[in-house]
Amino acid sequence: MARAAATRAFALLASVVRLVASLIAAVIVLHAVFWFFEANPDNALVSFAAEVRETFGWFTVDLFRPEDAKLGETINAALAALVYVVVGNLLSKLIVRLAPGPKARV
């Protein structure tokens, strides 16, 4: 009984990790779209997306520097979002694998 509850807790944790990583990635992609189409930076949604990009996607800032700065930021932000999706899914799978399984019968 306790094993089943622990397994459910691990599954729930894995789902939460995947959801949070996906939400961060979605907001970073939204920032990339706002940046590419030159959205008004004074808008609350645009500034929120930019803050999320700065907070969670800092590792790809100025990674690629093409001549077109707009294209460069879009590519860098999209790459950060991709990293979040991939790492979130990998962590989620790892958490599920660490969940206690049924007892082996001897």
PDB file of N, CA and C in Angstrom:
ATOM      1  N   MET A   1       0.823  -1.193   0.000  1.00  0.00           N
ATOM      2  CA  MET A   1       0.000   0.000   0.000  1.00  0.00           C
ATOM      3  C   MET A   1       0.868   1.258   0.000  1.00  0.00           C
ATOM      4  N   ALA A   2       1.879   1.267   0.877  1.00  0.00           N
ATOM      5  CA  ALA A   2       2.760   2.433   0.956  1.00  0.00           C
ATOM      6  C   ALA A   2       3.567   2.586  -0.325  1.00  0.00           C
ATOM      7  N   ARG A   3       3.905   1.455  -0.936  1.00  0.00           N
ATOM      8  CA  ARG A   3       4.658   1.497  -2.190  1.00  0.00           C
ATOM      9  C   ARG A   3       3.841   2.145  -3.305  1.00  0.00           C
ATOM     10  N   ALA A   4       2.562   1.829  -3.340  1.00  0.00           N
ATOM     11  CA  ALA A   4       1.687   2.409  -4.365  1.00  0.00           C
ATOM     12  C   ALA A   4       1.560   3.922  -4.164  1.00  0.00           C
ATOM     13  N   ALA A   5       1.463   4.347  -2.911  1.00  0.00           N
ATOM     14  CA  ALA A   5       1.376   5.787  -2.624  1.00  0.00           C
ATOM     15  C   ALA A   5       2.667   6.488  -3.014  1.00  0.00           C
ATOM     16  N   ALA A   6       3.799   5.860  -2.742  1.00  0.00           N
ATOM     17  CA  ALA A   6       5.086   6.447  -3.120  1.00  0.00           C
ATOM     18  C   ALA A   6       5.214   6.527  -4.640  1.00  0.00           C
ATOM     19  N   THR A   7       4.764   5.489  -5.309  1.00  0.00           N
ATOM     20  CA  THR A   7       4.818   5.493  -6.780  1.00  0.00           C
ATOM     21  C   THR A   7       3.955   6.619  -7.349  1.00  0.00           C
ATOM     22  N   ARG A   8       2.773   6.800  -6.777  1.00  0.00           N
ATOM     23  CA  ARG A   8       1.898   7.895  -7.220  1.00  0.00           C
ATOM     24  C   ARG A   8       2.539   9.248  -6.937  1.00  0.00           C
ATOM     25  N   ALA A   9       3.207   9.379  -5.803  1.00  0.00           N
ATOM     26  CA  ALA A   9       3.874  10.642  -5.454  1.00  0.00           C
ATOM     27  C   ALA A   9       5.008  10.936  -6.445  1.00  0.00           C
ATOM     28  N   PHE A  10       5.772   9.925  -6.806  1.00  0.00           N
ATOM     29  CA  PHE A  10       6.834  10.112  -7.789  1.00  0.00           C
ATOM     30  C   PHE A  10       6.253  10.494  -9.151  1.00  0.00           C
ATOM     31  N   ALA A  11       5.151   9.853  -9.530  1.00  0.00           N
ATOM     32  CA  ALA A  11       4.509  10.172 -10.809  1.00  0.00           C
ATOM     33  C   ALA A  11       3.988  11.602 -10.809  1.00  0.00           C
ATOM     34  N   LEU A  12       3.421  12.018  -9.686  1.00  0.00           N
ATOM     35  CA  LEU A  12       2.930  13.394  -9.573  1.00  0.00           C
ATOM     36  C   LEU A  12       4.081  14.385  -9.660  1.00  0.00           C
ATOM     37  N   LEU A  13       5.172  14.098  -8.956  1.00  0.00           N
ATOM     38  CA  LEU A  13       6.354  14.964  -9.015  1.00  0.00           C
ATOM     39  C   LEU A  13       6.892  15.061 -10.435  1.00  0.00           C
ATOM     40  N   ALA A  14       6.940  13.934 -11.135  1.00  0.00           N
ATOM     41  CA  ALA A  14       7.418  13.932 -12.520  1.00  0.00           C
ATOM     42  C   ALA A  14       6.518  14.787 -13.407  1.00  0.00           C
ATOM     43  N   SER A  15       5.225  14.705 -13.188  1.00  0.00           N
ATOM     44  CA  SER A  15       4.287  15.515 -13.969  1.00  0.00           C
ATOM     45  C   SER A  15       4.460  17.008 -13.685  1.00  0.00           C
ATOM     46  N   VAL A  16       4.681  17.341 -12.431  1.00  0.00           N
ATOM     47  CA  VAL A  16       4.880  18.744 -12.052  1.00  0.00           C
ATOM     48  C   VAL A  16       6.158  19.283 -12.686  1.00  0.00           C
ATOM     49  N   VAL A  17       7.232  18.503 -12.653  1.00  0.00           N
ATOM     50  CA  VAL A  17       8.500  18.927 -13.267  1.00  0.00           C
ATOM     51  C   VAL A  17       8.300  19.170 -14.759  1.00  0.00           C
ATOM     52  N   ARG A  18       7.633  18.239 -15.431  1.00  0.00           N
ATOM     53  CA  ARG A  18       7.394  18.384 -16.867  1.00  0.00           C
ATOM     54  C   ARG A  18       6.517  19.599 -17.165  1.00  0.00           C
ATOM     55  N   LEU A  19       5.493  19.822 -16.341  1.00  0.00           N
ATOM     56  CA  LEU A  19       4.594  20.957 -16.541  1.00  0.00           C
ATOM     57  C   LEU A  19       5.317  22.286 -16.352  1.00  0.00           C
ATOM     58  N   VAL A  20       6.094  22.410 -15.285  1.00  0.00           N
ATOM     59  CA  VAL A  20       6.809  23.665 -15.020  1.00  0.00           C
ATOM     60  C   VAL A  20       7.811  23.960 -16.136  1.00  0.00           C
ATOM     61  N   ALA A  21       8.561  22.946 -16.547  1.00  0.00           N
ATOM     62  CA  ALA A  21       9.527  23.144 -17.633  1.00  0.00           C
ATOM     63  C   ALA A  21       8.818  23.547 -18.927  1.00  0.00           C
ATOM     64  N   SER A  22       7.680  22.937 -19.197  1.00  0.00           N
ATOM     65  CA  SER A  22       6.929  23.272 -20.414  1.00  0.00           C
ATOM     66  C   SER A  22       6.362  24.692 -20.357  1.00  0.00           C
ATOM     67  N   LEU A  23       5.886  25.106 -19.185  1.00  0.00           N
ATOM     68  CA  LEU A  23       5.372  26.469 -19.055  1.00  0.00           C
ATOM     69  C   LEU A  23       6.477  27.508 -19.231  1.00  0.00           C
ATOM     70  N   ILE A  24       7.635  27.244 -18.655  1.00  0.00           N
ATOM     71  CA  ILE A  24       8.769  28.159 -18.836  1.00  0.00           C
ATOM     72  C   ILE A  24       9.135  28.232 -20.308  1.00  0.00           C
ATOM     73  N   ALA A  25       9.192  27.073 -20.961  1.00  0.00           N
ATOM     74  CA  ALA A  25       9.523  27.043 -22.390  1.00  0.00           C
ATOM     75  C   ALA A  25       8.487  27.811 -23.210  1.00  0.00           C
ATOM     76  N   ALA A  26       7.227  27.663 -22.868  1.00  0.00           N
ATOM     77  CA  ALA A  26       6.170  28.352 -23.622  1.00  0.00           C
ATOM     78  C   ALA A  26       6.300  29.869 -23.498  1.00  0.00           C
ATOM     79  N   VAL A  27       6.604  30.348 -22.306  1.00  0.00           N
ATOM     80  CA  VAL A  27       6.754  31.800 -22.114  1.00  0.00           C
ATOM     81  C   VAL A  27       8.003  32.303 -22.841  1.00  0.00           C
ATOM     82  N   ILE A  28       9.065  31.508 -22.852  1.00  0.00           N
ATOM     83  CA  ILE A  28      10.269  31.917 -23.589  1.00  0.00           C
ATOM     84  C   ILE A  28       9.991  31.965 -25.088  1.00  0.00           C
ATOM     85  N   VAL A  29       9.231  31.013 -25.605  1.00  0.00           N
ATOM     86  CA  VAL A  29       8.852  31.045 -27.022  1.00  0.00           C
ATOM     87  C   VAL A  29       7.978  32.272 -27.299  1.00  0.00           C
ATOM     88  N   LEU A  30       7.081  32.569 -26.365  1.00  0.00           N
ATOM     89  CA  LEU A  30       6.249  33.765 -26.515  1.00  0.00           C
ATOM     90  C   LEU A  30       7.124  35.012 -26.585  1.00  0.00           C
ATOM     91  N   HIS A  31       8.148  35.068 -25.754  1.00  0.00           N
ATOM     92  CA  HIS A  31       9.098  36.187 -25.807  1.00  0.00           C
ATOM     93  C   HIS A  31       9.773  36.252 -27.183  1.00  0.00           C
ATOM     94  N   ALA A  32      10.165  35.105 -27.709  1.00  0.00           N
ATOM     95  CA  ALA A  32      10.813  35.080 -29.027  1.00  0.00           C
ATOM     96  C   ALA A  32       9.877  35.638 -30.105  1.00  0.00           C
ATOM     97  N   VAL A  33       8.626  35.270 -30.021  1.00  0.00           N
ATOM     98  CA  VAL A  33       7.643  35.783 -30.995  1.00  0.00           C
ATOM     99  C   VAL A  33       7.457  37.280 -30.818  1.00  0.00           C
ATOM    100  N   PHE A  34       7.325  37.732 -29.570  1.00  0.00           N
ATOM    101  CA  PHE A  34       7.195  39.167 -29.314  1.00  0.00           C
ATOM    102  C   PHE A  34       8.408  39.924 -29.842  1.00  0.00           C
ATOM    103  N   TRP A  35       9.590  39.394 -29.606  1.00  0.00           N
ATOM    104  CA  TRP A  35      10.822  40.048 -30.036  1.00  0.00           C
ATOM    105  C   TRP A  35      10.884  40.106 -31.557  1.00  0.00           C
ATOM    106  N   PHE A  36      10.569  38.985 -32.207  1.00  0.00           N
ATOM    107  CA  PHE A  36      10.660  38.909 -33.665  1.00  0.00           C
ATOM    108  C   PHE A  36       9.709  39.892 -34.337  1.00  0.00           C
ATOM    109  N   PHE A  37       8.514  40.015 -33.783  1.00  0.00           N
ATOM    110  CA  PHE A  37       7.528  40.910 -34.394  1.00  0.00           C
ATOM    111  C   PHE A  37       7.527  42.300 -33.757  1.00  0.00           C
ATOM    112  N   GLU A  38       8.546  42.596 -32.952  1.00  0.00           N
ATOM    113  CA  GLU A  38       8.761  43.912 -32.360  1.00  0.00           C
ATOM    114  C   GLU A  38       7.545  44.405 -31.575  1.00  0.00           C
ATOM    115  N   ALA A  39       7.098  43.599 -30.635  1.00  0.00           N
ATOM    116  CA  ALA A  39       5.970  43.981 -29.780  1.00  0.00           C
ATOM    117  C   ALA A  39       6.378  45.137 -28.871  1.00  0.00           C
ATOM    118  N   ASN A  40       5.395  45.850 -28.394  1.00  0.00           N
ATOM    119  CA  ASN A  40       5.615  47.000 -27.523  1.00  0.00           C
ATOM    120  C   ASN A  40       6.232  46.533 -26.202  1.00  0.00           C
ATOM    121  N   PRO A  41       7.471  46.930 -25.903  1.00  0.00           N
ATOM    122  CA  PRO A  41       8.124  46.469 -24.662  1.00  0.00           C
ATOM    123  C   PRO A  41       7.490  47.032 -23.390  1.00  0.00           C
ATOM    124  N   ASP A  42       6.651  48.046 -23.506  1.00  0.00           N
ATOM    125  CA  ASP A  42       5.992  48.621 -22.338  1.00  0.00           C
ATOM    126  C   ASP A  42       4.739  47.833 -21.935  1.00  0.00           C
ATOM    127  N   ASN A  43       4.303  46.923 -22.796  1.00  0.00           N
ATOM    128  CA  ASN A  43       3.145  46.096 -22.497  1.00  0.00           C
ATOM    129  C   ASN A  43       3.492  45.128 -21.362  1.00  0.00           C
ATOM    130  N   ALA A  44       2.557  44.895 -20.458  1.00  0.00           N
ATOM    131  CA  ALA A  44       2.816  44.048 -19.283  1.00  0.00           C
ATOM    132  C   ALA A  44       3.149  42.611 -19.670  1.00  0.00           C
ATOM    133  N   LEU A  45       2.437  42.055 -20.635  1.00  0.00           N
ATOM    134  CA  LEU A  45       2.687  40.680 -21.049  1.00  0.00           C
ATOM    135  C   LEU A  45       4.053  40.545 -21.718  1.00  0.00           C
ATOM    136  N   VAL A  46       4.396  41.511 -22.541  1.00  0.00           N
ATOM    137  CA  VAL A  46       5.688  41.496 -23.229  1.00  0.00           C
ATOM    138  C   VAL A  46       6.826  41.635 -22.222  1.00  0.00           C
ATOM    139  N   SER A  47       6.674  42.519 -21.253  1.00  0.00           N
ATOM    140  CA  SER A  47       7.737  42.684 -20.251  1.00  0.00           C
ATOM    141  C   SER A  47       7.834  41.461 -19.336  1.00  0.00           C
ATOM    142  N   PHE A  48       6.704  40.828 -19.025  1.00  0.00           N
ATOM    143  CA  PHE A  48       6.735  39.599 -18.231  1.00  0.00           C
ATOM    144  C   PHE A  48       7.490  38.497 -18.974  1.00  0.00           C
ATOM    145  N   ALA A  49       7.190  38.339 -20.264  1.00  0.00           N
ATOM    146  CA  ALA A  49       7.871  37.316 -21.063  1.00  0.00           C
ATOM    147  C   ALA A  49       9.374  37.610 -21.146  1.00  0.00           C
ATOM    148  N   ALA A  50       9.733  38.879 -21.254  1.00  0.00           N
ATOM    149  CA  ALA A  50      11.156  39.250 -21.292  1.00  0.00           C
ATOM    150  C   ALA A  50      11.842  38.940 -19.959  1.00  0.00           C
ATOM    151  N   GLU A  51      11.150  39.170 -18.851  1.00  0.00           N
ATOM    152  CA  GLU A  51      11.724  38.857 -17.541  1.00  0.00           C
ATOM    153  C   GLU A  51      11.928  37.360 -17.359  1.00  0.00           C
ATOM    154  N   VAL A  52      10.970  36.568 -17.829  1.00  0.00           N
ATOM    155  CA  VAL A  52      11.116  35.110 -17.752  1.00  0.00           C
ATOM    156  C   VAL A  52      12.291  34.675 -18.611  1.00  0.00           C
ATOM    157  N   ARG A  53      12.435  35.258 -19.782  1.00  0.00           N
ATOM    158  CA  ARG A  53      13.564  34.927 -20.662  1.00  0.00           C
ATOM    159  C   ARG A  53      14.889  35.263 -19.985  1.00  0.00           C
ATOM    160  N   GLU A  54      14.956  36.417 -19.341  1.00  0.00           N
ATOM    161  CA  GLU A  54      16.189  36.824 -18.666  1.00  0.00           C
ATOM    162  C   GLU A  54      16.491  35.938 -17.464  1.00  0.00           C
ATOM    163  N   THR A  55      15.450  35.551 -16.740  1.00  0.00           N
ATOM    164  CA  THR A  55      15.640  34.756 -15.527  1.00  0.00           C
ATOM    165  C   THR A  55      15.982  33.306 -15.839  1.00  0.00           C
ATOM    166  N   PHE A  56      15.250  32.692 -16.763  1.00  0.00           N
ATOM    167  CA  PHE A  56      15.400  31.266 -17.005  1.00  0.00           C
ATOM    168  C   PHE A  56      16.175  30.928 -18.278  1.00  0.00           C
ATOM    169  N   GLY A  57      16.307  31.855 -19.191  1.00  0.00           N
ATOM    170  CA  GLY A  57      16.990  31.566 -20.449  1.00  0.00           C
ATOM    171  C   GLY A  57      18.306  32.296 -20.610  1.00  0.00           C
ATOM    172  N   TRP A  58      18.895  32.697 -19.494  1.00  0.00           N
ATOM    173  CA  TRP A  58      20.140  33.486 -19.518  1.00  0.00           C
ATOM    174  C   TRP A  58      21.277  32.752 -20.214  1.00  0.00           C
ATOM    175  N   PHE A  59      21.254  31.434 -20.230  1.00  0.00           N
ATOM    176  CA  PHE A  59      22.375  30.667 -20.744  1.00  0.00           C
ATOM    177  C   PHE A  59      22.487  30.691 -22.269  1.00  0.00           C
ATOM    178  N   THR A  60      21.498  31.228 -22.962  1.00  0.00           N
ATOM    179  CA  THR A  60      21.614  31.332 -24.419  1.00  0.00           C
ATOM    180  C   THR A  60      21.661  32.784 -24.906  1.00  0.00           C
ATOM    181  N   VAL A  61      21.756  33.737 -23.987  1.00  0.00           N
ATOM    182  CA  VAL A  61      21.848  35.138 -24.404  1.00  0.00           C
ATOM    183  C   VAL A  61      23.157  35.331 -25.171  1.00  0.00           C
ATOM    184  N   ASP A  62      23.079  35.906 -26.337  1.00  0.00           N
ATOM    185  CA  ASP A  62      24.224  36.163 -27.217  1.00  0.00           C
ATOM    186  C   ASP A  62      24.982  34.894 -27.601  1.00  0.00           C
ATOM    187  N   LEU A  63      24.298  33.768 -27.628  1.00  0.00           N
ATOM    188  CA  LEU A  63      24.946  32.531 -28.053  1.00  0.00           C
ATOM    189  C   LEU A  63      25.258  32.592 -29.542  1.00  0.00           C
ATOM    190  N   PHE A  64      24.272  32.952 -30.326  1.00  0.00           N
ATOM    191  CA  PHE A  64      24.473  33.159 -31.761  1.00  0.00           C
ATOM    192  C   PHE A  64      24.283  34.642 -32.034  1.00  0.00           C
ATOM    193  N   ARG A  65      25.151  35.196 -32.892  1.00  0.00           N
ATOM    194  CA  ARG A  65      25.103  36.629 -33.204  1.00  0.00           C
ATOM    195  C   ARG A  65      25.090  36.866 -34.712  1.00  0.00           C
ATOM    196  N   PRO A  66      23.984  36.561 -35.368  1.00  0.00           N
ATOM    197  CA  PRO A  66      23.926  36.887 -36.799  1.00  0.00           C
ATOM    198  C   PRO A  66      23.841  38.404 -36.979  1.00  0.00           C
ATOM    199  N   GLU A  67      23.979  38.844 -38.193  1.00  0.00           N
ATOM    200  CA  GLU A  67      23.925  40.294 -38.458  1.00  0.00           C
ATOM    201  C   GLU A  67      22.588  40.893 -38.046  1.00  0.00           C
ATOM    202  N   ASP A  68      21.524  40.131 -38.222  1.00  0.00           N
ATOM    203  CA  ASP A  68      20.196  40.594 -37.834  1.00  0.00           C
ATOM    204  C   ASP A  68      19.985  40.263 -36.352  1.00  0.00           C
ATOM    205  N   ALA A  69      20.024  41.274 -35.496  1.00  0.00           N
ATOM    206  CA  ALA A  69      19.899  41.063 -34.051  1.00  0.00           C
ATOM    207  C   ALA A  69      18.541  40.461 -33.688  1.00  0.00           C
ATOM    208  N   LYS A  70      17.522  40.832 -34.440  1.00  0.00           N
ATOM    209  CA  LYS A  70      16.184  40.299 -34.180  1.00  0.00           C
ATOM    210  C   LYS A  70      16.160  38.789 -34.392  1.00  0.00           C
ATOM    211  N   LEU A  71      16.779  38.339 -35.454  1.00  0.00           N
ATOM    212  CA  LEU A  71      16.846  36.907 -35.735  1.00  0.00           C
ATOM    213  C   LEU A  71      17.707  36.190 -34.698  1.00  0.00           C
ATOM    214  N   GLY A  72      18.793  36.814 -34.292  1.00  0.00           N
ATOM    215  CA  GLY A  72      19.669  36.210 -33.290  1.00  0.00           C
ATOM    216  C   GLY A  72      18.970  35.974 -31.968  1.00  0.00           C
ATOM    217  N   GLU A  73      18.251  36.975 -31.474  1.00  0.00           N
ATOM    218  CA  GLU A  73      17.535  36.818 -30.206  1.00  0.00           C
ATOM    219  C   GLU A  73      16.425  35.786 -30.334  1.00  0.00           C
ATOM    220  N   THR A  74      15.757  35.746 -31.476  1.00  0.00           N
ATOM    221  CA  THR A  74      14.705  34.762 -31.678  1.00  0.00           C
ATOM    222  C   THR A  74      15.271  33.349 -31.638  1.00  0.00           C
ATOM    223  N   ILE A  75      16.382  33.126 -32.316  1.00  0.00           N
ATOM    224  CA  ILE A  75      17.016  31.802 -32.332  1.00  0.00           C
ATOM    225  C   ILE A  75      17.502  31.437 -30.930  1.00  0.00           C
ATOM    226  N   ASN A  76      18.152  32.361 -30.251  1.00  0.00           N
ATOM    227  CA  ASN A  76      18.673  32.085 -28.914  1.00  0.00           C
ATOM    228  C   ASN A  76      17.558  31.772 -27.917  1.00  0.00           C
ATOM    229  N   ALA A  77      16.458  32.509 -27.992  1.00  0.00           N
ATOM    230  CA  ALA A  77      15.338  32.256 -27.088  1.00  0.00           C
ATOM    231  C   ALA A  77      14.685  30.914 -27.409  1.00  0.00           C
ATOM    232  N   ALA A  78      14.529  30.617 -28.685  1.00  0.00           N
ATOM    233  CA  ALA A  78      13.938  29.330 -29.070  1.00  0.00           C
ATOM    234  C   ALA A  78      14.818  28.167 -28.616  1.00  0.00           C
ATOM    235  N   LEU A  79      16.114  28.346 -28.669  1.00  0.00           N
ATOM    236  CA  LEU A  79      17.034  27.316 -28.201  1.00  0.00           C
ATOM    237  C   LEU A  79      16.898  27.110 -26.687  1.00  0.00           C
ATOM    238  N   ALA A  80      16.753  28.187 -25.942  1.00  0.00           N
ATOM    239  CA  ALA A  80      16.548  28.070 -24.491  1.00  0.00           C
ATOM    240  C   ALA A  80      15.254  27.310 -24.200  1.00  0.00           C
ATOM    241  N   ALA A  81      14.201  27.601 -24.946  1.00  0.00           N
ATOM    242  CA  ALA A  81      12.933  26.897 -24.755  1.00  0.00           C
ATOM    243  C   ALA A  81      13.086  25.407 -25.063  1.00  0.00           C
ATOM    244  N   LEU A  82      13.807  25.095 -26.110  1.00  0.00           N
ATOM    245  CA  LEU A  82      14.043  23.694 -26.459  1.00  0.00           C
ATOM    246  C   LEU A  82      14.805  22.978 -25.350  1.00  0.00           C
ATOM    247  N   VAL A  83      15.784  23.626 -24.785  1.00  0.00           N
ATOM    248  CA  VAL A  83      16.550  23.033 -23.682  1.00  0.00           C
ATOM    249  C   VAL A  83      15.620  22.744 -22.503  1.00  0.00           C
ATOM    250  N   TYR A  84      14.732  23.662 -22.190  1.00  0.00           N
ATOM    251  CA  TYR A  84      13.812  23.435 -21.076  1.00  0.00           C
ATOM    252  C   TYR A  84      12.884  22.258 -21.337  1.00  0.00           C
ATOM    253  N   VAL A  85      12.395  22.125 -22.548  1.00  0.00           N
ATOM    254  CA  VAL A  85      11.509  21.004 -22.859  1.00  0.00           C
ATOM    255  C   VAL A  85      12.267  19.680 -22.755  1.00  0.00           C
ATOM    256  N   VAL A  86      13.441  19.623 -23.331  1.00  0.00           N
ATOM    257  CA  VAL A  86      14.220  18.382 -23.321  1.00  0.00           C
ATOM    258  C   VAL A  86      14.647  18.015 -21.906  1.00  0.00           C
ATOM    259  N   VAL A  87      15.220  18.958 -21.178  1.00  0.00           N
ATOM    260  CA  VAL A  87      15.685  18.675 -19.818  1.00  0.00           C
ATOM    261  C   VAL A  87      14.506  18.348 -18.900  1.00  0.00           C
ATOM    262  N   GLY A  88      13.391  19.048 -19.054  1.00  0.00           N
ATOM    263  CA  GLY A  88      12.212  18.749 -18.245  1.00  0.00           C
ATOM    264  C   GLY A  88      11.698  17.345 -18.478  1.00  0.00           C
ATOM    265  N   ASN A  89      11.672  16.921 -19.735  1.00  0.00           N
ATOM    266  CA  ASN A  89      11.228  15.560 -20.038  1.00  0.00           C
ATOM    267  C   ASN A  89      12.216  14.516 -19.523  1.00  0.00           C
ATOM    268  N   LEU A  90      13.509  14.782 -19.657  1.00  0.00           N
ATOM    269  CA  LEU A  90      14.510  13.841 -19.155  1.00  0.00           C
ATOM    270  C   LEU A  90      14.425  13.712 -17.629  1.00  0.00           C
ATOM    271  N   LEU A  91      14.305  14.841 -16.941  1.00  0.00           N
ATOM    272  CA  LEU A  91      14.170  14.791 -15.483  1.00  0.00           C
ATOM    273  C   LEU A  91      12.895  14.060 -15.068  1.00  0.00           C
ATOM    274  N   SER A  92      11.833  14.288 -15.797  1.00  0.00           N
ATOM    275  CA  SER A  92      10.572  13.626 -15.499  1.00  0.00           C
ATOM    276  C   SER A  92      10.712  12.108 -15.644  1.00  0.00           C
ATOM    277  N   LYS A  93      11.357  11.671 -16.702  1.00  0.00           N
ATOM    278  CA  LYS A  93      11.562  10.233 -16.901  1.00  0.00           C
ATOM    279  C   LYS A  93      12.468   9.647 -15.831  1.00  0.00           C
ATOM    280  N   LEU A  94      13.474  10.403 -15.420  1.00  0.00           N
ATOM    281  CA  LEU A  94      14.369   9.940 -14.363  1.00  0.00           C
ATOM    282  C   LEU A  94      13.617   9.777 -13.046  1.00  0.00           C
ATOM    283  N   ILE A  95      12.754  10.719 -12.733  1.00  0.00           N
ATOM    284  CA  ILE A  95      11.971  10.650 -11.498  1.00  0.00           C
ATOM    285  C   ILE A  95      11.066   9.421 -11.513  1.00  0.00           C
ATOM    286  N   VAL A  96      10.445   9.148 -12.655  1.00  0.00           N
ATOM    287  CA  VAL A  96       9.572   7.974 -12.763  1.00  0.00           C
ATOM    288  C   VAL A  96      10.388   6.695 -12.595  1.00  0.00           C
ATOM    289  N   ARG A  97      11.593   6.661 -13.149  1.00  0.00           N
ATOM    290  CA  ARG A  97      12.442   5.470 -13.000  1.00  0.00           C
ATOM    291  C   ARG A  97      12.879   5.258 -11.558  1.00  0.00           C
ATOM    292  N   LEU A  98      13.025   6.326 -10.796  1.00  0.00           N
ATOM    293  CA  LEU A  98      13.442   6.207  -9.407  1.00  0.00           C
ATOM    294  C   LEU A  98      12.294   5.788  -8.486  1.00  0.00           C
ATOM    295  N   ALA A  99      11.090   5.804  -9.008  1.00  0.00           N
ATOM    296  CA  ALA A  99       9.932   5.425  -8.191  1.00  0.00           C
ATOM    297  C   ALA A  99      10.063   3.973  -7.759  1.00  0.00           C
ATOM    298  N   PRO A 100       9.663   3.679  -6.530  1.00  0.00           N
ATOM    299  CA  PRO A 100       9.739   2.287  -6.070  1.00  0.00           C
ATOM    300  C   PRO A 100       8.778   1.402  -6.849  1.00  0.00           C
ATOM    301  N   GLY A 101       9.279   0.267  -7.270  1.00  0.00           N
ATOM    302  CA  GLY A 101       8.457  -0.669  -8.028  1.00  0.00           C
ATOM    303  C   GLY A 101       7.864  -1.734  -7.124  1.00  0.00           C
ATOM    304  N   PRO A 102       7.143  -2.678  -7.710  1.00  0.00           N
ATOM    305  CA  PRO A 102       6.565  -3.757  -6.913  1.00  0.00           C
ATOM    306  C   PRO A 102       7.673  -4.657  -6.360  1.00  0.00           C
ATOM    307  N   LYS A 103       7.392  -5.304  -5.244  1.00  0.00           N
ATOM    308  CA  LYS A 103       8.358  -6.209  -4.626  1.00  0.00           C
ATOM    309  C   LYS A 103       8.618  -7.407  -5.535  1.00  0.00           C
ATOM    310  N   ALA A 104       9.871  -7.794  -5.606  1.00  0.00           N
ATOM    311  CA  ALA A 104      10.226  -8.980  -6.388  1.00  0.00           C
ATOM    312  C   ALA A 104       9.866 -10.232  -5.576  1.00  0.00           C
ATOM    313  N   ARG A 105       9.286 -11.197  -6.228  1.00  0.00           N
ATOM    314  CA  ARG A 105       8.927 -12.454  -5.542  1.00  0.00           C
ATOM    315  C   ARG A 105      10.072 -13.426  -5.658  1.00  0.00           C
ATOM    316  N   VAL A 106      10.399 -14.039  -4.545  1.00  0.00           N
ATOM    317  CA  VAL A 106      11.514 -14.972  -4.500  1.00  0.00           C
ATOM    318  C   VAL A 106      11.035 -16.391  -4.532  1.00  0.00           C
TER     319      VAL A 106
END
